Amino acid sequence: MKEGEKVMPDLRRCLASVSYVLWLGLICALSVPAQNSVSIKVLSSEGQVEIRRDGTGKVLTQAIAFKANDDLFAGDTIMTGKNGRLVLALSDGSQAVVAPKTTLIIQDLTQSPRTLFQMLKGKTRVHIEKLGGQPNPYRVNTPTAVIAVRGTIFDVEVSDDETQVYLHEGAVDVFNVRQLNQPVFLNAGQMTSIRAAQLPRPPGAFKTGRNDDTFRMREMRGNQTGRADNNDKGRIAQGGQRPDSGSGNGRNPSGGQRQPDINDRSRQPGGAQPPSPQGGKPGGGRRP
């Protein structure tokens, strides 16, 4: 056999192997759920709420005017005052309520693992919806902790060098940000705390309904005494009014529309059909 004739079969076998690898890679890629189709926006607000965004030129950040349904971007900083609350909505049906005296930074939702935000201080309640009954993985970061969730309702409290996590529904893994190989696993009704140089504390129980008043929007507080209606099932976002369009200060006009309920525990996660993903739309991804 001539040398050229010997080379050709080897070349054909090589090309066939490359084609198979490319085909297998394509199949694997198509089987992995998209991680870049989630957007985040303002749902409602009350009290003092400020959203800051990267500026231009010598201005590092600047406060922006906002209204309901405005998209948020990676790097946007949310700051709430003494009586400020902000409800965030994700395009997959998930929600978050930012409590008073809280500062957090929206993260890039196109990255994997998908991180919702970096909490610097304060309190936030998050409801991550399952998708068709399947896990919907997210992370929330703080200066001392990483909270990994797949469809659940939980609270995060950040103060000084400590993070506390309270799980109302589902399950979460909680890590010290410096020791990601030793998580603590929480079931519903359990909490843990994490300090900078320590592993998360073993799970402990907490009273049902803890923190509900902190996250409940004004209309859901029941009566003038500030005590919640015993029949509201811990609802905290329903009835939140739309912020004043263009003001960005959280002042609400009367007669705002009733908003979805982030913590109606009669809801079954994944029961509602999430909106169709809007690929390439702003919100949670990097600003264009």
Foldseek 3Di string as FASTA:
>chain_A
DDPVVVVVVVVVVVVVVVVVVVVVVVVVVVVDDQQQQKFKWWAFKAFFKWKWDQDDDPGGIDTFFGWHPDFDFFFIKIAAAPQMKTKMAMLQGKIKIFFHGWIWTAHQRNDPVGEGIETEFAKMKIFAFAAQPWFDWYWYHYLFKIKIGGGFIKMWGDDDFKIKIAGAADKIWMFGPVCRPDTAIDHHQWMWMTGRPDTIDHIDGDDPLPCLLRQAAPVQLVDPVSHGDPPPQSWRQFPRFMADGPPNGRHGDPPGHTDDTNGNVVDDRNPDGGHDGDPPDHHSRHDD
